Protein backbone atom coordinates (compact mmCIF):
# COMPACT_ATOMS: atom_id res chain seq x y z
CA MET A 1 0.00 0.00 0.00
CA ASP A 2 1.14 3.51 -0.69
CA TYR A 3 1.20 5.16 2.73
CA LYS A 4 2.02 8.52 1.18
CA LYS A 5 -1.49 8.72 -0.28
CA SER A 6 -3.20 7.76 2.96
CA LYS A 7 -6.02 10.01 4.08
CA ALA A 8 -5.16 9.38 7.72
CA PRO A 9 -4.76 12.51 9.86
CA THR A 10 -1.26 13.57 10.87
CA ASN A 11 -2.28 14.37 14.43
CA THR A 12 -4.22 12.60 17.15
CA VAL A 13 -7.98 12.29 16.68
CA THR A 14 -10.57 11.39 19.31
CA ARG A 15 -12.37 8.22 18.21
CA ASN A 16 -15.77 6.84 19.10
CA ILE A 17 -15.20 3.54 20.91
CA MET A 18 -18.47 2.10 19.63
CA GLU A 19 -17.36 2.77 16.06
CA LEU A 20 -14.15 0.82 16.69
CA CYS A 21 -16.14 -2.10 18.15
CA GLU A 22 -18.45 -2.52 15.15
CA GLY A 23 -16.23 -4.88 13.17
CA THR A 24 -15.28 -7.24 15.96
CA GLY A 25 -17.80 -6.66 18.72
CA ASN A 26 -14.95 -6.24 21.19
CA ILE A 27 -12.85 -3.10 21.71
CA TYR A 28 -9.83 -5.08 22.90
CA GLU A 29 -9.84 -7.28 19.82
CA SER A 30 -10.14 -4.20 17.61
CA VAL A 31 -7.20 -2.54 19.34
CA ALA A 32 -5.12 -5.72 19.00
CA ILE A 33 -5.87 -5.88 15.26
CA ILE A 34 -5.01 -2.20 14.81
CA GLY A 35 -1.80 -2.68 16.81
CA LYS A 36 -0.64 -5.63 14.71
CA ARG A 37 -1.38 -3.77 11.48
CA SER A 38 0.41 -0.70 12.85
CA ASN A 39 3.54 -2.79 13.47
CA GLN A 40 3.40 -4.11 9.89
CA ILE A 41 3.11 -0.57 8.51
CA ALA A 42 5.97 0.68 10.70
CA VAL A 43 8.26 -2.10 9.45
CA ASP A 44 7.36 -1.36 5.82
CA ILE A 45 8.00 2.36 6.20
CA LYS A 46 11.29 1.77 8.04
CA GLN A 47 12.55 -0.62 5.35
CA GLU A 48 11.61 1.84 2.61
CA LEU A 49 13.35 4.71 4.42
CA ASN A 50 16.49 2.65 5.09
CA LYS A 51 16.66 1.63 1.44
CA LYS A 52 16.49 5.25 0.32
CA LEU A 53 19.02 6.42 2.90
CA ALA A 54 21.41 3.57 2.06
CA GLU A 55 22.15 5.34 -1.23
CA PHE A 56 23.77 8.14 0.76
CA ALA A 57 25.79 5.89 3.05
CA ASN A 58 29.39 6.88 3.44
CA TYR A 59 31.60 4.21 4.93
CA ASN A 60 34.46 6.38 6.14
CA ASP A 61 35.75 5.66 9.61
CA SER A 62 36.54 9.30 10.15
CA LEU A 63 34.42 10.79 12.91
CA GLU A 64 35.71 14.29 12.22
CA GLU A 65 34.02 14.70 8.87
CA VAL A 66 30.25 14.79 8.82
CA PHE A 67 28.67 15.51 5.49
CA GLU A 68 25.20 16.99 5.31
CA ASN A 69 23.41 16.01 2.18
CA ARG A 70 20.39 18.15 1.33
CA GLU A 71 18.61 15.26 -0.45
CA GLN A 72 19.06 13.02 2.57
CA ILE A 73 17.65 15.69 4.86
CA GLU A 74 14.65 16.21 2.58
CA ILE A 75 13.91 12.47 2.50
CA SER A 76 14.09 12.29 6.29
CA ARG A 77 11.78 15.30 6.69
CA TYR A 78 9.30 13.81 4.25
CA TYR A 79 9.06 10.58 6.25
CA GLU A 80 8.75 12.52 9.51
CA LYS A 81 5.68 14.32 8.12
CA LEU A 82 3.87 11.11 7.18
CA PRO A 83 0.99 10.05 9.45
CA LYS A 84 2.03 7.72 12.24
CA PRO A 85 1.53 3.99 11.57
CA THR A 86 -1.11 3.77 14.31
CA LEU A 87 -3.21 6.48 12.67
CA ILE A 88 -2.89 4.80 9.26
CA ALA A 89 -3.87 1.41 10.73
CA THR A 90 -6.87 2.90 12.55
CA GLU A 91 -8.07 4.57 9.37
CA GLU A 92 -7.67 1.29 7.45
CA PHE A 93 -9.62 -0.56 10.15
CA LEU A 94 -12.48 1.93 10.11
CA ASP A 95 -12.61 1.82 6.30
CA GLY A 96 -12.79 -2.00 6.36
CA GLU A 97 -9.49 -2.42 4.53
CA ILE A 98 -7.97 -4.82 7.08
CA TYR A 99 -8.68 -8.55 6.86
CA TRP A 100 -8.34 -10.57 10.05
CA HIS A 101 -9.23 -14.09 11.03
CA ASP A 102 -9.53 -15.59 14.49
CA PRO A 103 -8.92 -19.34 14.32
CA ALA A 104 -9.93 -19.72 17.98
CA LYS A 105 -13.50 -18.72 17.11
CA ASP A 106 -13.60 -21.38 14.39
CA VAL A 107 -12.54 -24.04 16.90
CA ARG A 108 -15.21 -22.93 19.38
CA GLU A 109 -17.92 -23.01 16.69
CA ASP A 110 -16.86 -26.50 15.59
CA ASP A 111 -17.03 -27.74 19.20
CA GLU A 112 -20.57 -26.40 19.60
CA ASP A 113 -21.71 -28.29 16.49
CA ASP A 114 -20.56 -31.62 17.96
CA PHE A 115 -23.15 -31.58 20.75
């Protein structure tokens, strides 16, 4: 997914708890799903940023010389301005863009059918 085109807000937004519960019926399950998706997004963004910054890597052992590259600074600023992974994941959850599956519920339903 292209996180740069996300319509998620860049600052904290107060959410309606009942709206978060609609998909799962349980606020804790919803938060766990959003948290797991947030971790996935954070890893993706970090890998993308590291790949872009690796182009500017300078492998000198000299601690005296520090080079400031304007392109590198602009890339870093751009990624700092992106919405936080938690906000992106919450927006995805509310829009119904996250698929989740709870195998424990399937096991419980199968057990009820046996009786």
